[in-house]
Protein backbone atom coordinates (compact mmCIF):
# COMPACT_ATOMS: atom_id res chain seq x y z
CA UNK A 1 -97.77 64.79 21.74
CA UNK A 2 -94.17 63.63 21.57
CA UNK A 3 -92.85 63.20 25.12
CA UNK A 4 -96.09 63.71 26.68
CA UNK A 5 -97.28 61.06 29.05
CA UNK A 6 -99.54 58.36 27.38
CA UNK A 7 -102.08 56.34 29.11
CA UNK A 8 -100.53 52.74 30.17
CA UNK A 9 -102.01 49.52 29.65
CA UNK A 10 -101.27 47.71 32.75
CA UNK A 11 -103.07 48.30 36.12
CA UNK A 12 -100.97 49.80 38.75
CA UNK A 13 -103.28 50.29 41.86
CA UNK A 14 -104.79 46.60 42.79
CA UNK A 15 -106.32 47.90 45.91
CA UNK A 16 -108.36 50.49 43.74
CA UNK A 17 -109.31 48.23 41.26
CA UNK A 18 -110.71 45.79 44.05
CA UNK A 19 -112.75 48.73 45.55
CA UNK A 20 -114.14 49.49 41.94
CA UNK A 21 -115.21 46.00 41.29
CA UNK A 22 -116.96 45.70 44.76
CA UNK A 23 -118.75 49.10 43.98
CA UNK A 24 -120.23 47.97 40.69
CA UNK A 25 -120.89 44.42 42.00
CA UNK A 26 -123.37 42.76 39.74
CA UNK A 27 -123.59 45.37 37.08
CA UNK A 28 -120.12 45.17 36.16
CA UNK A 29 -121.09 44.32 32.45
CA UNK A 30 -122.96 47.55 31.88
CA UNK A 31 -120.25 49.69 33.20
CA UNK A 32 -116.84 51.12 31.61
CA UNK A 33 -114.81 52.95 34.16
CA UNK A 34 -110.99 54.02 33.75
CA UNK A 35 -109.01 55.81 36.39
CA UNK A 36 -105.52 57.51 35.67
CA UNK A 37 -102.82 59.80 37.23
CA UNK A 38 -100.97 62.37 35.78
CA UNK A 39 -98.03 60.09 34.78
CA UNK A 40 -100.44 57.95 32.85
CA UNK A 41 -100.72 55.25 35.10
CA UNK A 42 -103.75 53.25 34.63
CA UNK A 43 -104.83 52.99 38.31
CA UNK A 44 -108.09 50.98 37.95
CA UNK A 45 -110.12 49.73 34.77
CA UNK A 46 -113.37 48.28 34.12
CA UNK A 47 -114.20 47.39 30.56
CA UNK A 48 -112.13 50.17 29.57
CA UNK A 49 -111.75 49.28 25.79
CA UNK A 50 -115.48 48.29 25.60
CA UNK A 51 -117.21 50.96 23.19
CA UNK A 52 -120.28 52.51 24.65
CA UNK A 53 -122.66 55.36 23.99
CA UNK A 54 -121.42 58.22 25.65
CA UNK A 55 -124.15 60.60 25.53
CA UNK A 56 -123.04 64.30 26.37
CA UNK A 57 -119.49 63.23 27.10
CA UNK A 58 -119.02 63.49 23.33
CA UNK A 59 -118.73 67.14 23.79
CA UNK A 60 -115.26 66.66 25.46
CA UNK A 61 -114.03 65.56 22.20
CA UNK A 62 -115.74 68.25 20.30
CA UNK A 63 -114.62 70.91 22.54
CA UNK A 64 -110.92 69.75 22.76
CA UNK A 65 -110.68 69.58 18.94
CA UNK A 66 -112.05 73.15 18.54
CA UNK A 67 -109.76 74.72 21.17
CA UNK A 68 -106.83 73.13 19.60
CA UNK A 69 -107.52 74.22 16.05
CA UNK A 70 -108.71 77.67 16.84
CA UNK A 71 -107.21 78.73 19.90
CA UNK A 72 -108.75 80.46 23.17
CA UNK A 73 -109.34 83.76 21.72
CA UNK A 74 -111.54 82.61 18.62
CA UNK A 75 -114.97 84.09 17.92
CA UNK A 76 -117.66 83.28 15.44
CA UNK A 77 -118.73 86.04 13.28
CA UNK A 78 -121.89 87.01 11.82
CA UNK A 79 -121.56 89.42 8.78
CA UNK A 80 -123.06 91.87 6.66
CA UNK A 81 -121.83 92.26 3.01
CA UNK A 82 -122.57 94.77 0.17
CA UNK A 83 -122.47 93.07 -3.14
CA UNK A 84 -121.64 94.97 -6.39
CA UNK A 85 -125.19 95.02 -7.63
CA UNK A 86 -126.24 96.92 -4.54
CA UNK A 87 -127.94 94.10 -2.79
CA UNK A 88 -126.62 92.76 0.53
CA UNK A 89 -125.89 89.17 2.01
CA UNK A 90 -125.90 88.05 5.64
CA UNK A 91 -123.51 85.35 6.46
CA UNK A 92 -122.89 83.36 9.82
CA UNK A 93 -120.90 81.03 11.57
CA UNK A 94 -123.49 79.74 14.07
CA UNK A 95 -123.00 82.23 16.98
CA UNK A 96 -125.28 80.58 19.68
CA UNK A 97 -125.92 83.99 21.20
CA UNK A 98 -127.20 85.75 18.04
CA UNK A 99 -130.15 87.77 18.99
CA UNK A 100 -132.82 90.48 18.03
CA UNK A 101 -130.62 93.40 18.88
CA UNK A 102 -127.85 92.22 16.31
CA UNK A 103 -130.48 91.66 13.72
CA UNK A 104 -131.70 95.39 14.26
CA UNK A 105 -128.28 96.64 13.77
CA UNK A 106 -127.69 94.64 10.56
CA UNK A 107 -131.27 95.86 9.53
CA UNK A 108 -130.60 99.43 9.86
CA UNK A 109 -127.12 99.20 8.16
CA UNK A 110 -128.58 97.50 5.08
CA UNK A 111 -131.56 100.23 5.15
CA UNK A 112 -128.90 102.92 5.23
CA UNK A 113 -126.86 101.27 2.27
CA UNK A 114 -123.97 100.69 4.64
CA UNK A 115 -123.92 104.22 5.83
CA UNK A 116 -122.85 105.69 2.62
CA UNK A 117 -125.85 107.93 1.75
CA UNK A 118 -127.64 108.30 5.16
CA UNK A 119 -131.07 107.75 3.34
CA UNK A 120 -133.21 104.74 3.52
CA UNK A 121 -133.18 103.05 0.03
CA UNK A 122 -136.59 102.59 -1.80
CA UNK A 123 -136.00 98.84 -1.85
CA UNK A 124 -133.53 96.58 0.30
CA UNK A 125 -132.56 93.32 -1.33
CA UNK A 126 -131.11 91.22 1.31
CA UNK A 127 -129.77 87.67 0.79
CA UNK A 128 -129.80 85.07 3.85
CA UNK A 129 -126.94 82.49 3.22
CA UNK A 130 -127.71 79.32 4.99
CA UNK A 131 -127.28 75.66 4.96
CA UNK A 132 -129.34 73.30 3.07
CA UNK A 133 -132.35 71.76 5.06
CA UNK A 134 -130.93 68.31 4.86
CA UNK A 135 -127.96 69.36 6.79
CA UNK A 136 -129.76 71.21 9.55
CA UNK A 137 -129.82 67.88 11.96
CA UNK A 138 -127.20 65.02 12.24
CA UNK A 139 -128.51 61.91 10.42
CA UNK A 140 -128.54 59.99 13.50
CA UNK A 141 -130.65 62.23 15.78
CA UNK A 142 -133.85 60.61 16.67
CA UNK A 143 -136.88 62.50 14.91
CA UNK A 144 -138.48 63.19 18.21
CA UNK A 145 -135.69 65.03 19.70
CA UNK A 146 -135.74 67.30 16.82
CA UNK A 147 -138.67 69.13 18.26
CA UNK A 148 -137.32 69.89 21.60
CA UNK A 149 -134.98 72.83 22.22
CA UNK A 150 -132.08 70.61 22.93
CA UNK A 151 -132.56 69.12 19.49
CA UNK A 152 -132.75 72.49 17.55
CA UNK A 153 -131.56 72.60 14.14
CA UNK A 154 -127.97 73.23 13.52
CA UNK A 155 -127.66 76.37 11.08
CA UNK A 156 -125.36 79.32 10.43
CA UNK A 157 -127.69 82.06 11.35
CA UNK A 158 -129.76 80.80 14.54
CA UNK A 159 -131.39 83.27 16.46
CA UNK A 160 -131.33 82.37 20.25
CA UNK A 161 -129.91 79.04 18.88
CA UNK A 162 -132.93 78.13 17.08
CA UNK A 163 -134.86 77.59 20.36
CA UNK A 164 -137.49 79.40 22.15
CA UNK A 165 -139.53 76.95 24.29
CA UNK A 166 -139.09 74.48 21.47
CA UNK A 167 -136.98 74.00 18.49
CA UNK A 168 -137.47 76.55 15.70
CA UNK A 169 -138.38 73.96 12.79
CA UNK A 170 -137.51 76.31 10.03
CA UNK A 171 -134.88 78.97 11.23
CA UNK A 172 -134.33 80.79 7.91
CA UNK A 173 -138.20 81.44 7.66
CA UNK A 174 -138.19 82.78 11.27
CA UNK A 175 -134.87 84.85 10.46
CA UNK A 176 -136.54 86.41 7.31
CA UNK A 177 -139.90 87.30 9.48
CA UNK A 178 -137.89 89.17 12.07
CA UNK A 179 -135.57 91.07 9.61
CA UNK A 180 -138.86 91.87 7.51
CA UNK A 181 -140.75 93.06 10.57
CA UNK A 182 -137.81 95.23 11.85
CA UNK A 183 -137.28 97.03 8.48
CA UNK A 184 -141.07 97.55 7.55
CA UNK A 185 -141.70 99.21 10.89
CA UNK A 186 -139.03 101.65 9.83
CA UNK A 187 -140.58 102.32 6.75
CA UNK A 188 -138.42 100.39 4.16
CA UNK A 189 -139.38 98.06 1.32
CA UNK A 190 -137.44 94.74 1.67
CA UNK A 191 -137.02 91.89 -0.69
CA UNK A 192 -135.36 88.77 1.21
CA UNK A 193 -134.11 85.79 -0.63
CA UNK A 194 -132.52 82.57 0.67
CA UNK A 195 -128.97 81.50 -0.97
CA UNK A 196 -126.81 78.76 -0.22
CA UNK A 197 -124.00 79.41 2.51
CA UNK A 198 -121.70 77.02 0.59
CA UNK A 199 -121.77 79.07 -2.56
CA UNK A 200 -118.64 81.59 -2.33
CA UNK A 201 -119.18 85.39 -2.03
CA UNK A 202 -118.98 87.39 -5.15
CA UNK A 203 -115.33 89.02 -5.80
CA UNK A 204 -117.09 92.38 -5.38
CA UNK A 205 -118.45 91.80 -1.82
CA UNK A 206 -117.63 94.36 0.67
CA UNK A 207 -117.93 93.45 4.34
CA UNK A 208 -119.88 96.30 5.91
CA UNK A 209 -120.33 95.11 9.67
CA UNK A 210 -119.82 92.02 11.64
CA UNK A 211 -121.10 90.85 14.99
CA UNK A 212 -118.60 88.74 16.94
CA UNK A 213 -119.56 86.03 19.26
CA UNK A 214 -118.36 85.46 22.83
CA UNK A 215 -114.89 84.30 22.83
CA UNK A 216 -113.87 80.41 22.69
CA UNK A 217 -113.71 80.21 26.62
CA UNK A 218 -117.29 81.18 26.85
CA UNK A 219 -118.38 78.99 24.07
CA UNK A 220 -116.45 76.02 25.53
CA UNK A 221 -118.34 76.46 29.00
CA UNK A 222 -121.69 76.72 27.17
CA UNK A 223 -120.98 73.30 25.58
CA UNK A 224 -119.21 71.76 28.51
CA UNK A 225 -120.86 73.41 31.86
CA UNK A 226 -124.28 73.70 30.42
CA UNK A 227 -124.04 70.70 27.97
CA UNK A 228 -125.71 72.99 25.14
CA UNK A 229 -125.89 70.66 22.06
CA UNK A 230 -126.07 73.57 19.61
CA UNK A 231 -122.78 74.99 20.60
CA UNK A 232 -120.95 71.64 20.64
CA UNK A 233 -121.89 71.03 16.91
CA UNK A 234 -121.07 74.49 15.89
CA UNK A 235 -117.54 73.94 17.60
CA UNK A 236 -117.12 70.74 15.79
CA UNK A 237 -117.62 72.16 12.24
CA UNK A 238 -115.73 75.42 13.19
CA UNK A 239 -112.72 73.43 14.13
CA UNK A 240 -112.81 71.33 11.18
CA UNK A 241 -113.33 74.36 8.91
CA UNK A 242 -116.37 72.67 7.27
CA UNK A 243 -120.02 72.46 7.59
CA UNK A 244 -120.22 69.09 5.86
CA UNK A 245 -120.69 66.97 8.93
CA UNK A 246 -119.13 63.89 7.78
CA UNK A 247 -116.18 65.58 6.47
CA UNK A 248 -115.90 67.48 9.94
CA UNK A 249 -116.07 64.27 11.61
CA UNK A 250 -113.39 62.70 9.39
CA UNK A 251 -110.86 65.71 9.94
CA UNK A 252 -111.66 65.53 13.84
CA UNK A 253 -110.97 61.77 13.64
CA UNK A 254 -107.65 62.43 12.17
CA UNK A 255 -106.66 64.82 14.44
CA UNK A 256 -107.44 62.52 17.41
CA UNK A 257 -105.28 59.64 15.97
CA UNK A 258 -102.50 62.16 15.97
CA UNK A 259 -102.90 62.67 19.63
CA UNK A 260 -101.64 59.09 20.45
CA UNK A 261 -104.84 58.25 22.05
CA UNK A 262 -106.57 54.53 22.09
CA UNK A 263 -108.86 54.81 19.01
CA UNK A 264 -110.04 51.20 19.02
CA UNK A 265 -113.81 50.96 18.80
CA UNK A 266 -114.22 54.83 18.81
CA UNK A 267 -116.95 55.91 16.32
CA UNK A 268 -117.83 59.79 16.10
CA UNK A 269 -121.08 60.76 14.61
CA UNK A 270 -121.66 64.29 15.88
CA UNK A 271 -120.19 66.86 18.04
CA UNK A 272 -122.94 66.76 20.86
CA UNK A 273 -123.56 63.23 21.76
CA UNK A 274 -127.20 63.31 20.94
CA UNK A 275 -126.56 60.78 17.96
CA UNK A 276 -126.96 57.02 19.31
CA UNK A 277 -124.44 55.67 17.09
CA UNK A 278 -121.45 57.55 18.82
CA UNK A 279 -119.17 55.08 20.58
CA UNK A 280 -116.40 56.10 22.96
CA UNK A 281 -114.39 54.03 25.47
CA UNK A 282 -113.62 55.11 28.99
CA UNK A 283 -110.04 54.64 28.28
CA UNK A 284 -110.08 56.83 25.14
CA UNK A 285 -111.84 59.67 27.31
CA UNK A 286 -109.32 59.07 30.07
CA UNK A 287 -106.48 59.41 27.81
CA UNK A 288 -108.06 62.73 26.08
CA UNK A 289 -108.29 64.28 29.47
CA UNK A 290 -104.91 63.34 30.18
CA UNK A 291 -103.70 64.83 26.91
CA UNK A 292 -105.63 68.02 27.18
CA UNK A 293 -104.51 68.78 30.41
CA UNK A 294 -100.92 68.89 29.28
CA UNK A 295 -102.04 71.24 26.31
CA UNK A 296 -100.89 74.63 25.97
CA UNK A 297 -104.67 75.59 26.48
CA UNK A 298 -105.17 72.94 29.09
CA UNK A 299 -106.34 75.50 31.83
CA UNK A 300 -109.08 76.87 29.42
CA UNK A 301 -110.23 73.24 28.74
CA UNK A 302 -110.48 72.18 32.26
CA UNK A 303 -112.09 75.25 33.30
CA UNK A 304 -114.79 74.90 30.86
CA UNK A 305 -116.28 71.78 32.69
CA UNK A 306 -119.04 71.69 35.33
CA UNK A 307 -117.65 71.82 38.91
CA UNK A 308 -119.06 69.35 41.60
CA UNK A 309 -121.31 71.38 43.91
CA UNK A 310 -120.65 74.90 42.41
CA UNK A 311 -121.61 74.88 38.64
CA UNK A 312 -123.17 73.55 35.66
CA UNK A 313 -124.65 70.24 35.34
CA UNK A 314 -122.86 69.22 38.69
CA UNK A 315 -124.14 72.20 40.76
CA UNK A 316 -126.42 69.87 42.84
CA UNK A 317 -123.88 66.94 43.07
CA UNK A 318 -121.62 66.16 45.88
CA UNK A 319 -122.48 69.29 47.82
CA UNK A 320 -120.71 69.21 51.23
CA UNK A 321 -118.69 66.21 50.49
CA UNK A 322 -115.00 65.75 49.98
CA UNK A 323 -115.58 66.25 46.50
CA UNK A 324 -117.20 69.84 46.61
CA UNK A 325 -115.34 72.05 44.25
CA UNK A 326 -112.66 69.30 43.51
CA UNK A 327 -114.17 67.58 40.67
CA UNK A 328 -114.05 69.28 37.30
CA UNK A 329 -116.39 66.91 34.78
CA UNK A 330 -118.68 66.72 31.99
CA UNK A 331 -122.01 64.55 32.55
CA UNK A 332 -123.96 62.88 29.89
CA UNK A 333 -127.62 61.61 30.04
CA UNK A 334 -129.64 59.62 27.33
CA UNK A 335 -132.29 57.19 27.76
CA UNK A 336 -130.44 54.31 29.35
CA UNK A 337 -127.17 56.01 29.44
CA UNK A 338 -125.37 57.79 32.21
CA UNK A 339 -121.62 59.01 31.84
CA UNK A 340 -119.48 61.35 33.69
CA UNK A 341 -115.67 62.14 32.74
CA UNK A 342 -113.14 64.73 34.16
CA UNK A 343 -110.76 65.15 36.75
CA UNK A 344 -110.48 65.15 40.49
CA UNK A 345 -108.14 67.42 42.25
CA UNK A 346 -106.08 65.66 45.02
CA UNK A 347 -103.11 66.56 46.77
CA UNK A 348 -101.01 63.79 45.09
CA UNK A 349 -102.10 65.41 41.71
CA UNK A 350 -104.96 65.11 39.40
CA UNK A 351 -106.76 61.89 38.75
CA UNK A 352 -108.43 61.55 35.40
CA UNK A 353 -111.58 59.56 35.18
CA UNK A 354 -114.41 58.50 32.77
CA UNK A 355 -117.22 56.20 33.58
CA UNK A 356 -119.84 55.07 31.30
CA UNK A 357 -122.99 53.05 31.78
CA UNK A 358 -125.25 51.74 29.22
CA UNK A 359 -128.22 49.90 30.93
CA UNK A 360 -127.46 50.28 34.41
CA UNK A 361 -130.32 49.99 36.73
CA UNK A 362 -129.03 52.52 39.31
CA UNK A 363 -126.27 54.86 37.63
C-alpha cells in the first residue's frame, strides 16, 4: 500500500456532516456511518470507530483477501485420484456449484479404473476426503441457523453447496449415497469410506481427473452480489491456504494489518458475517473499499457487488432514482442489524461509504 491514499482522520466536509447528523437524528447512537473520497478525505463520519456487528458486510473482507491472494483467474478444483493399491480418493476445495453431473463423471472414471482397461472393475473402492464434523460450522453460528440453507455446513465436497430447500446436515453421507446409487445403477460394486481431508495424499497417488469451479470473478459475485454464505466461507479458507478456520482468520488479519487499514476494534470470526461475534467499524470498511479500488484487481472487486436498481440484493432498491445503476455495494442483514457498504459513482469521482446499524428502529 505504499503511496496509496490513506483514510484521513479529520473531517473535511462540514455541510455533509450536518446533513448526516440531521438524517439519523435521535438514533445517532446506534449508527456508524463513514463517507470518503478517492483521495482518502473523510467527508463525513458518525461513530466511525465504534465496532459493530457487520452482518454480511463481512463478505467484503473475505472476498478482498481471496482476490488479492489468489488472483482473478483462480478456480477451486474437485479431483479424483488413483492410489497405489488400486483404490480411489475424491478430494475437493469447496466448489459451491459441484452437482450431480460432475459426480457422475467421477463415478464413471472410477468404474473404468481411470480409463486404463475399459472394463468395469469387480469392486470399486473409493475414499471421500472431508473435513471433520466439528469444523463444518464456525463455532459462533447460532444452532438454529444451521438448519437453513443459508447456514449449510462448510465442507470440501459440497453437492449444491450442501443445501436443497434446507441445509444438508450430513454432507458426506449424502455424497456417498449419490455416488453409490450412480455406480450400482451401472452394475458396479462399490465400497465407500470416509477419510480426513487433512491427511496428505499418498506419494503414489495419480490425478485421474479434475472438475474446476467457475473462475474467481464468478465466485466473488456469488458471495457479494447474492450474499452466498457458503462461498464466502470457502473463499476465506482458500485465500488463507488452510481449512482450519482460526488459522485462516489469523492469516487474514495479518494481511489486513499490512494494508494500512484502521484495525482498532476489528474482530473477525468467520468469512460470511453469520457469526455474531464479528466486529467491524465503518471507517475500516470505507478504508478497505478505498484500498481495493486502487488494487490491481480493483475492477474485479467492485464489479462483484450488487448494483442499485439492477442486480443482486440491491436490484429492487433505488429504482428510478439518481442512485439507479450508480451504487455498487454489499448489504447485510441479521436480527437487529442492517448494513450497506460500497461506492457511489459521481461526476467528481467515487465516494466510498459504510453504514452499519445495530438496533435501529427504521434502518
